[in-house]
N, C-alpha and C. Protein backbone atom coordinates (compact mmCIF):
# COMPACT_ATOMS: atom_id res chain seq x y z
N MET A 1 0.81 -1.18 -0.02
CA MET A 1 0.01 0.01 0.00
C MET A 1 0.85 1.26 0.01
N GLN A 2 1.99 1.17 0.66
CA GLN A 2 2.88 2.37 0.79
C GLN A 2 3.38 2.75 -0.59
N VAL A 3 3.68 1.81 -1.44
CA VAL A 3 4.25 2.07 -2.77
C VAL A 3 3.27 2.92 -3.58
N ALA A 4 1.98 2.73 -3.40
CA ALA A 4 1.00 3.47 -4.17
C ALA A 4 0.98 4.96 -3.84
N PHE A 5 1.49 5.34 -2.67
CA PHE A 5 1.45 6.76 -2.28
C PHE A 5 2.81 7.43 -2.48
N VAL A 6 3.86 6.70 -2.66
CA VAL A 6 5.19 7.29 -2.71
C VAL A 6 5.38 8.21 -3.91
N LEU A 7 5.08 7.70 -5.09
CA LEU A 7 5.28 8.47 -6.31
C LEU A 7 4.41 9.71 -6.39
N PRO A 8 3.10 9.59 -6.15
CA PRO A 8 2.27 10.80 -6.20
C PRO A 8 2.63 11.82 -5.11
N THR A 9 2.98 11.34 -3.94
CA THR A 9 3.35 12.22 -2.87
C THR A 9 4.63 12.99 -3.18
N ALA A 10 5.64 12.30 -3.65
CA ALA A 10 6.87 12.96 -4.04
C ALA A 10 6.63 13.98 -5.16
N LEU A 11 5.78 13.64 -6.09
CA LEU A 11 5.47 14.55 -7.19
C LEU A 11 4.77 15.83 -6.70
N VAL A 12 3.79 15.65 -5.83
CA VAL A 12 3.02 16.82 -5.31
C VAL A 12 3.90 17.68 -4.44
N ILE A 13 4.70 17.08 -3.57
CA ILE A 13 5.56 17.89 -2.70
C ILE A 13 6.59 18.71 -3.51
N CYS A 14 7.25 18.05 -4.45
CA CYS A 14 8.24 18.77 -5.27
C CYS A 14 7.58 19.81 -6.18
N TRP A 15 6.38 19.52 -6.70
CA TRP A 15 5.67 20.49 -7.50
C TRP A 15 5.31 21.72 -6.67
N ALA A 16 4.84 21.50 -5.41
CA ALA A 16 4.48 22.58 -4.54
C ALA A 16 5.65 23.46 -4.21
N LEU A 17 6.78 22.83 -3.89
CA LEU A 17 8.01 23.61 -3.66
C LEU A 17 8.45 24.40 -4.89
N GLY A 18 8.37 23.74 -6.06
CA GLY A 18 8.70 24.42 -7.30
C GLY A 18 7.77 25.57 -7.59
N TRP A 19 6.48 25.40 -7.32
CA TRP A 19 5.49 26.43 -7.56
C TRP A 19 5.75 27.62 -6.62
N TRP A 20 6.09 27.30 -5.36
CA TRP A 20 6.41 28.37 -4.38
C TRP A 20 7.63 29.15 -4.79
N LEU A 21 8.68 28.44 -5.19
CA LEU A 21 9.92 29.10 -5.61
C LEU A 21 9.72 29.84 -6.91
N ALA A 22 8.92 29.33 -7.81
CA ALA A 22 8.64 30.03 -9.05
C ALA A 22 7.89 31.33 -8.79
N GLY A 23 7.02 31.33 -7.81
CA GLY A 23 6.32 32.54 -7.47
C GLY A 23 7.25 33.62 -6.83
N LEU A 24 8.18 33.13 -6.06
CA LEU A 24 9.16 34.09 -5.48
C LEU A 24 10.11 34.68 -6.49
N THR A 25 10.58 33.83 -7.44
CA THR A 25 11.59 34.25 -8.38
C THR A 25 11.05 34.68 -9.72
N HIS A 26 9.77 34.44 -9.98
CA HIS A 26 9.12 34.73 -11.26
C HIS A 26 9.78 33.93 -12.41
N GLN A 27 10.18 32.72 -12.13
CA GLN A 27 10.77 31.83 -13.11
C GLN A 27 9.94 30.56 -13.24
N LYS A 28 9.21 30.41 -14.35
CA LYS A 28 8.29 29.32 -14.52
C LYS A 28 9.01 27.95 -14.62
N TRP A 29 10.25 27.93 -15.04
CA TRP A 29 10.97 26.71 -15.25
C TRP A 29 11.21 25.98 -13.92
N ILE A 30 11.26 26.68 -12.80
CA ILE A 30 11.47 26.03 -11.53
C ILE A 30 10.32 25.12 -11.18
N GLU A 31 9.09 25.49 -11.52
CA GLU A 31 7.95 24.64 -11.24
C GLU A 31 8.03 23.34 -12.06
N ILE A 32 8.43 23.47 -13.32
CA ILE A 32 8.57 22.29 -14.20
C ILE A 32 9.71 21.43 -13.68
N ALA A 33 10.80 22.01 -13.25
CA ALA A 33 11.92 21.27 -12.68
C ALA A 33 11.51 20.50 -11.44
N GLY A 34 10.63 21.13 -10.64
CA GLY A 34 10.14 20.48 -9.43
C GLY A 34 9.31 19.26 -9.77
N ILE A 35 8.49 19.34 -10.80
CA ILE A 35 7.71 18.21 -11.23
C ILE A 35 8.62 17.06 -11.72
N ILE A 36 9.58 17.39 -12.53
CA ILE A 36 10.48 16.36 -13.03
C ILE A 36 11.31 15.76 -11.89
N PHE A 37 11.77 16.59 -10.96
CA PHE A 37 12.57 16.10 -9.81
C PHE A 37 11.68 15.18 -8.95
N GLY A 38 10.43 15.56 -8.74
CA GLY A 38 9.53 14.71 -7.98
C GLY A 38 9.30 13.36 -8.60
N CYS A 39 9.14 13.33 -9.89
CA CYS A 39 8.97 12.07 -10.59
C CYS A 39 10.19 11.16 -10.44
N ILE A 40 11.37 11.75 -10.60
CA ILE A 40 12.61 10.99 -10.50
C ILE A 40 12.82 10.48 -9.08
N VAL A 41 12.63 11.33 -8.09
CA VAL A 41 12.83 10.92 -6.70
C VAL A 41 11.82 9.82 -6.32
N GLY A 42 10.58 10.00 -6.69
CA GLY A 42 9.57 8.96 -6.41
C GLY A 42 9.89 7.63 -7.06
N LEU A 43 10.27 7.69 -8.30
CA LEU A 43 10.58 6.47 -9.06
C LEU A 43 11.78 5.75 -8.48
N VAL A 44 12.83 6.50 -8.13
CA VAL A 44 13.99 5.87 -7.51
C VAL A 44 13.66 5.21 -6.21
N TYR A 45 12.82 5.85 -5.40
CA TYR A 45 12.43 5.26 -4.11
C TYR A 45 11.60 4.00 -4.32
N VAL A 46 10.72 4.00 -5.30
CA VAL A 46 9.90 2.82 -5.55
C VAL A 46 10.82 1.68 -6.04
N ILE A 47 11.77 1.97 -6.87
CA ILE A 47 12.70 0.91 -7.35
C ILE A 47 13.53 0.38 -6.20
N GLN A 48 13.99 1.26 -5.28
CA GLN A 48 14.72 0.77 -4.12
C GLN A 48 13.89 -0.12 -3.25
N MET A 49 12.64 0.24 -3.06
CA MET A 49 11.72 -0.62 -2.28
C MET A 49 11.54 -1.97 -2.96
N ALA A 50 11.38 -1.97 -4.22
CA ALA A 50 11.20 -3.22 -4.98
C ALA A 50 12.41 -4.10 -4.88
N ILE A 51 13.59 -3.54 -4.96
CA ILE A 51 14.83 -4.30 -4.84
C ILE A 51 14.96 -4.89 -3.43
N ALA A 52 14.63 -4.11 -2.42
CA ALA A 52 14.71 -4.59 -1.04
C ALA A 52 13.76 -5.75 -0.79
N VAL A 53 12.56 -5.64 -1.34
CA VAL A 53 11.57 -6.72 -1.19
C VAL A 53 12.04 -7.98 -1.93
N GLU A 54 12.61 -7.78 -3.08
CA GLU A 54 13.10 -8.95 -3.85
C GLU A 54 14.24 -9.65 -3.12
N LYS A 55 15.14 -8.86 -2.52
CA LYS A 55 16.25 -9.51 -1.76
C LYS A 55 15.66 -10.24 -0.56
N LYS A 56 14.73 -9.66 0.14
CA LYS A 56 14.15 -10.29 1.31
C LYS A 56 13.44 -11.60 0.93
N THR A 57 12.72 -11.55 -0.18
CA THR A 57 11.99 -12.70 -0.66
C THR A 57 12.94 -13.82 -1.06
N SER A 58 14.01 -13.46 -1.80
CA SER A 58 14.97 -14.49 -2.23
C SER A 58 15.70 -15.10 -1.03
N LEU A 59 15.99 -14.33 0.01
CA LEU A 59 16.61 -14.89 1.20
C LEU A 59 15.66 -15.82 1.94
N ASP A 60 14.40 -15.49 1.99
CA ASP A 60 13.45 -16.35 2.63
C ASP A 60 13.20 -17.62 1.86
N ASP A 61 13.16 -17.55 0.52
CA ASP A 61 12.99 -18.73 -0.28
C ASP A 61 14.24 -19.62 -0.33
N GLY A 62 15.40 -19.02 -0.22
CA GLY A 62 16.62 -19.77 -0.23
C GLY A 62 16.86 -20.63 0.95
N SER A 63 16.22 -20.35 2.06
CA SER A 63 16.42 -21.11 3.28
C SER A 63 15.50 -22.32 3.42
N GLN A 64 14.62 -22.50 2.42
CA GLN A 64 13.72 -23.65 2.47
C GLN A 64 13.80 -24.43 1.18
N ASN A 65 13.69 -25.76 1.28
CA ASN A 65 13.56 -26.55 0.08
C ASN A 65 12.08 -26.80 -0.20
N GLU A 66 11.80 -27.71 -1.15
CA GLU A 66 10.43 -27.90 -1.58
C GLU A 66 9.53 -28.48 -0.51
N THR A 67 10.12 -29.09 0.53
CA THR A 67 9.32 -29.64 1.64
C THR A 67 8.97 -28.61 2.65
N GLY A 68 9.68 -27.47 2.61
CA GLY A 68 9.41 -26.42 3.58
C GLY A 68 10.14 -26.64 4.95
N LYS A 69 11.04 -27.63 4.96
CA LYS A 69 11.69 -27.97 6.22
C LYS A 69 13.12 -27.42 6.33
N GLY A 70 13.55 -26.59 5.42
CA GLY A 70 14.87 -26.04 5.52
C GLY A 70 15.87 -26.88 4.69
N LYS A 71 17.14 -26.54 4.75
CA LYS A 71 18.17 -27.21 4.01
C LYS A 71 18.48 -28.54 4.66
N PRO A 72 18.81 -29.54 3.89
CA PRO A 72 19.18 -30.84 4.46
C PRO A 72 20.40 -30.69 5.35
N GLY A 73 20.33 -31.28 6.54
CA GLY A 73 21.45 -31.24 7.45
C GLY A 73 21.45 -30.02 8.38
N SER A 74 20.55 -29.08 8.15
CA SER A 74 20.51 -27.91 9.02
C SER A 74 19.54 -28.15 10.18
N GLN A 75 19.88 -27.61 11.30
CA GLN A 75 19.01 -27.79 12.45
C GLN A 75 18.44 -26.43 12.85
N LEU A 76 17.15 -26.34 13.02
CA LEU A 76 16.49 -25.09 13.38
C LEU A 76 15.93 -25.20 14.78
């Protein structure tokens, strides 16, 4: 559920900061840069979360064989 909110939240926060800075400096490009930066930051964070989940899943799967009892010869 958290992943669904990361990208839009990053986009809105960076857009709002860009909009605020654009109003102060009268430079429209800052707002557009904020939108682009928000997309990049959100996407990078989502990818990092996906990689972390994949590593955790592969570690969990690697400790069990098809019987679900762990590796042969290991004691739990």
